[in-house]
Amino acid sequence: MNNMFDKAVAFVLEHEGGAAITDDPNDPGGLTKYGISQRSFPDLDIRALSEGEAVMIYKVRYWDKCRCSELPGDLAIIVFDAAVNQGPMAAAKTLQQALGVNVDGIIGPATIAAACRAGRSALSELVARRMVMYGLNPNFTRYGLGWSRRLSACHELAMEA
């Protein structure tokens, strides 16, 4: 694994509750462990999931899918967390909106090039757009403070990248 992924996945595991198994009836993900939900992975035995398996899922299904290793470190951390928390397609579209490029939900060469040229202003724009997405979520009243704290902490981590 690379150092940026290691930092990002450690952050996600901490904010997703680690090895604790949750089954909040108000959470649309259902049964969850290490932030991996039964809804997203219906064929996976969530209760038996190991941390190593969760990390590999995060690497392949979120980090690699969003091409985070090709993004500047600060954006990679925020995009990865967005992919985990809001879905890879939403993360890609939000990044593209923040960069002012074609919004198709696919992080390709044009998005990566724009991200590499963007500088820190793109980070602030991406964070702001994620917050708006949270605010529009019907579960914001129940989970919004936690989501806001997570995004703030993720922004701080990204600023260190």
Protein backbone atom coordinates (compact mmCIF):
# COMPACT_ATOMS: atom_id res chain seq x y z
CA MET A 1 0.00 0.00 0.00
CA ASN A 2 1.14 3.56 -0.42
CA ASN A 3 1.54 6.08 2.37
CA MET A 4 -1.38 8.30 1.24
CA PHE A 5 -3.75 5.34 1.04
CA ASP A 6 -2.56 4.15 4.46
CA LYS A 7 -3.38 7.56 5.99
CA ALA A 8 -6.72 7.77 4.23
CA VAL A 9 -7.86 4.26 5.12
CA ALA A 10 -6.76 4.67 8.76
CA PHE A 11 -8.93 7.81 8.90
CA VAL A 12 -11.90 6.00 7.37
CA LEU A 13 -11.58 2.98 9.66
CA GLU A 14 -11.49 5.26 12.71
CA HIS A 15 -14.53 7.25 11.59
CA GLU A 16 -16.47 4.19 10.49
CA GLY A 17 -16.28 2.60 13.93
CA GLY A 18 -13.57 0.00 13.36
CA ALA A 19 -14.45 -3.59 14.25
CA ALA A 20 -17.69 -2.65 16.00
CA ILE A 21 -20.70 -4.23 14.33
CA THR A 22 -23.61 -1.84 13.96
CA ASP A 23 -27.12 -2.38 12.71
CA ASP A 24 -28.80 1.00 13.13
CA PRO A 25 -32.38 0.69 11.83
CA ASN A 26 -32.18 4.32 10.69
CA ASP A 27 -29.00 3.74 8.66
CA PRO A 28 -29.83 2.64 5.11
CA GLY A 29 -26.57 0.63 4.99
CA GLY A 30 -27.92 -1.87 7.49
CA LEU A 31 -25.49 -4.27 9.14
CA THR A 32 -22.02 -2.68 9.05
CA LYS A 33 -18.48 -3.49 10.20
CA TYR A 34 -15.37 -1.41 9.43
CA GLY A 35 -17.77 0.81 7.48
CA ILE A 36 -18.51 -2.00 5.02
CA SER A 37 -22.28 -2.39 4.79
CA GLN A 38 -24.43 -5.39 4.01
CA ARG A 39 -26.47 -3.26 1.61
CA SER A 40 -23.41 -2.46 -0.50
CA PHE A 41 -21.97 -5.98 -0.26
CA PRO A 42 -24.98 -8.33 0.05
CA ASP A 43 -22.94 -11.50 -0.58
CA LEU A 44 -20.33 -10.72 2.08
CA ASP A 45 -20.48 -12.14 5.61
CA ILE A 46 -20.17 -8.78 7.37
CA ARG A 47 -19.93 -10.31 10.86
CA ALA A 48 -16.88 -12.37 9.82
CA LEU A 49 -15.18 -9.55 7.91
CA SER A 50 -11.56 -8.95 8.95
CA GLU A 51 -9.86 -5.58 8.97
CA GLY A 52 -7.51 -6.74 6.22
CA GLU A 53 -10.45 -7.71 4.02
CA ALA A 54 -12.09 -4.34 4.68
CA VAL A 55 -8.87 -2.52 3.74
CA MET A 56 -8.67 -4.46 0.46
CA ILE A 57 -12.30 -3.59 -0.32
CA TYR A 58 -11.54 0.06 0.34
CA LYS A 59 -8.45 -0.10 -1.85
CA VAL A 60 -10.12 -1.70 -4.86
CA ARG A 61 -13.71 -0.46 -4.70
CA TYR A 62 -13.07 3.10 -3.54
CA TRP A 63 -9.40 4.26 -3.75
CA ASP A 64 -8.59 2.59 -7.07
CA LYS A 65 -12.04 3.17 -8.57
CA CYS A 66 -11.66 6.92 -7.95
CA ARG A 67 -8.04 6.85 -9.16
CA CYS A 68 -6.95 8.51 -5.92
CA SER A 69 -3.29 7.54 -6.39
CA GLU A 70 -3.26 9.84 -9.45
CA LEU A 71 -4.78 12.82 -7.65
CA PRO A 72 -2.89 15.36 -5.54
CA GLY A 73 -2.69 14.05 -1.96
CA ASP A 74 -5.09 16.57 -0.45
CA LEU A 75 -7.80 15.85 -3.02
CA ALA A 76 -7.14 12.10 -2.85
CA ILE A 77 -7.95 12.01 0.86
CA ILE A 78 -11.18 14.00 0.48
CA VAL A 79 -12.31 12.10 -2.63
CA PHE A 80 -11.63 8.73 -0.99
CA ASP A 81 -13.58 9.67 2.13
CA ALA A 82 -16.41 10.98 -0.05
CA ALA A 83 -16.44 7.73 -2.03
CA VAL A 84 -16.73 5.71 1.18
CA ASN A 85 -19.31 7.97 2.80
CA GLN A 86 -21.34 9.12 -0.20
CA GLY A 87 -20.48 6.61 -2.94
CA PRO A 88 -17.78 6.58 -5.65
CA MET A 89 -20.06 8.10 -8.31
CA ALA A 90 -21.09 10.98 -6.04
CA ALA A 91 -17.43 11.53 -5.06
CA ALA A 92 -16.37 11.69 -8.72
CA LYS A 93 -19.19 14.06 -9.67
CA THR A 94 -18.52 16.33 -6.70
CA LEU A 95 -14.82 16.48 -7.59
CA GLN A 96 -15.67 17.31 -11.19
CA GLN A 97 -18.07 20.05 -10.10
CA ALA A 98 -15.40 21.50 -7.82
CA LEU A 99 -12.91 21.49 -10.68
CA GLY A 100 -15.32 22.91 -13.25
CA VAL A 101 -14.87 20.03 -15.69
CA ASN A 102 -17.39 17.83 -17.47
CA VAL A 103 -19.48 16.05 -14.85
CA ASP A 104 -19.87 12.43 -15.91
CA GLY A 105 -18.97 10.60 -12.69
CA ILE A 106 -15.87 9.03 -14.22
CA ILE A 107 -12.48 10.23 -13.03
CA GLY A 108 -10.51 10.12 -16.25
CA PRO A 109 -7.52 11.94 -17.73
CA ALA A 110 -9.27 15.33 -18.00
CA THR A 111 -10.39 15.26 -14.36
CA ILE A 112 -6.96 14.14 -13.17
CA ALA A 113 -5.22 16.86 -15.22
CA ALA A 114 -7.57 19.53 -13.86
CA ALA A 115 -7.02 18.26 -10.31
CA CYS A 116 -3.25 18.42 -10.74
CA ARG A 117 -3.49 22.04 -11.96
CA ALA A 118 -6.07 23.20 -9.42
CA GLY A 119 -4.15 23.95 -6.25
CA ARG A 120 -5.68 24.36 -2.79
CA SER A 121 -8.78 26.24 -3.95
CA ALA A 122 -10.15 22.97 -5.31
CA LEU A 123 -9.86 21.39 -1.88
CA SER A 124 -11.98 24.10 -0.25
CA GLU A 125 -14.54 23.90 -3.04
CA LEU A 126 -14.74 20.12 -2.75
CA VAL A 127 -15.23 20.28 1.02
CA ALA A 128 -17.96 22.93 0.63
CA ARG A 129 -19.77 20.86 -1.99
CA ARG A 130 -19.65 17.77 0.23
CA MET A 131 -21.18 19.77 3.07
CA VAL A 132 -24.03 20.88 0.80
CA MET A 133 -24.64 17.24 -0.14
CA TYR A 134 -24.86 16.34 3.54
CA GLY A 135 -27.27 19.19 4.18
CA LEU A 136 -29.56 17.95 1.41
CA ASN A 137 -29.62 14.40 2.79
CA PRO A 138 -32.95 13.64 4.53
CA ASN A 139 -31.01 12.04 7.41
CA PHE A 140 -29.06 15.23 8.12
CA THR A 141 -31.04 16.00 11.27
CA ARG A 142 -30.10 12.62 12.75
CA TYR A 143 -26.51 12.23 11.50
CA GLY A 144 -25.50 15.71 10.31
CA LEU A 145 -23.39 16.73 13.28
CA GLY A 146 -21.33 13.54 13.02
CA TRP A 147 -20.97 13.94 9.26
CA SER A 148 -19.88 17.55 9.74
CA ARG A 149 -17.29 16.57 12.34
CA ARG A 150 -15.98 13.84 10.05
CA LEU A 151 -15.69 16.21 7.09
CA SER A 152 -13.91 18.80 9.23
CA ALA A 153 -11.42 16.21 10.47
CA CYS A 154 -10.92 14.91 6.92
CA HIS A 155 -10.26 18.46 5.71
CA GLU A 156 -7.62 18.87 8.42
CA LEU A 157 -5.95 15.59 7.36
CA ALA A 158 -6.05 16.65 3.71
CA MET A 159 -4.40 19.97 4.55
CA GLU A 160 -1.45 18.02 5.96
CA ALA A 161 -0.97 16.09 2.70
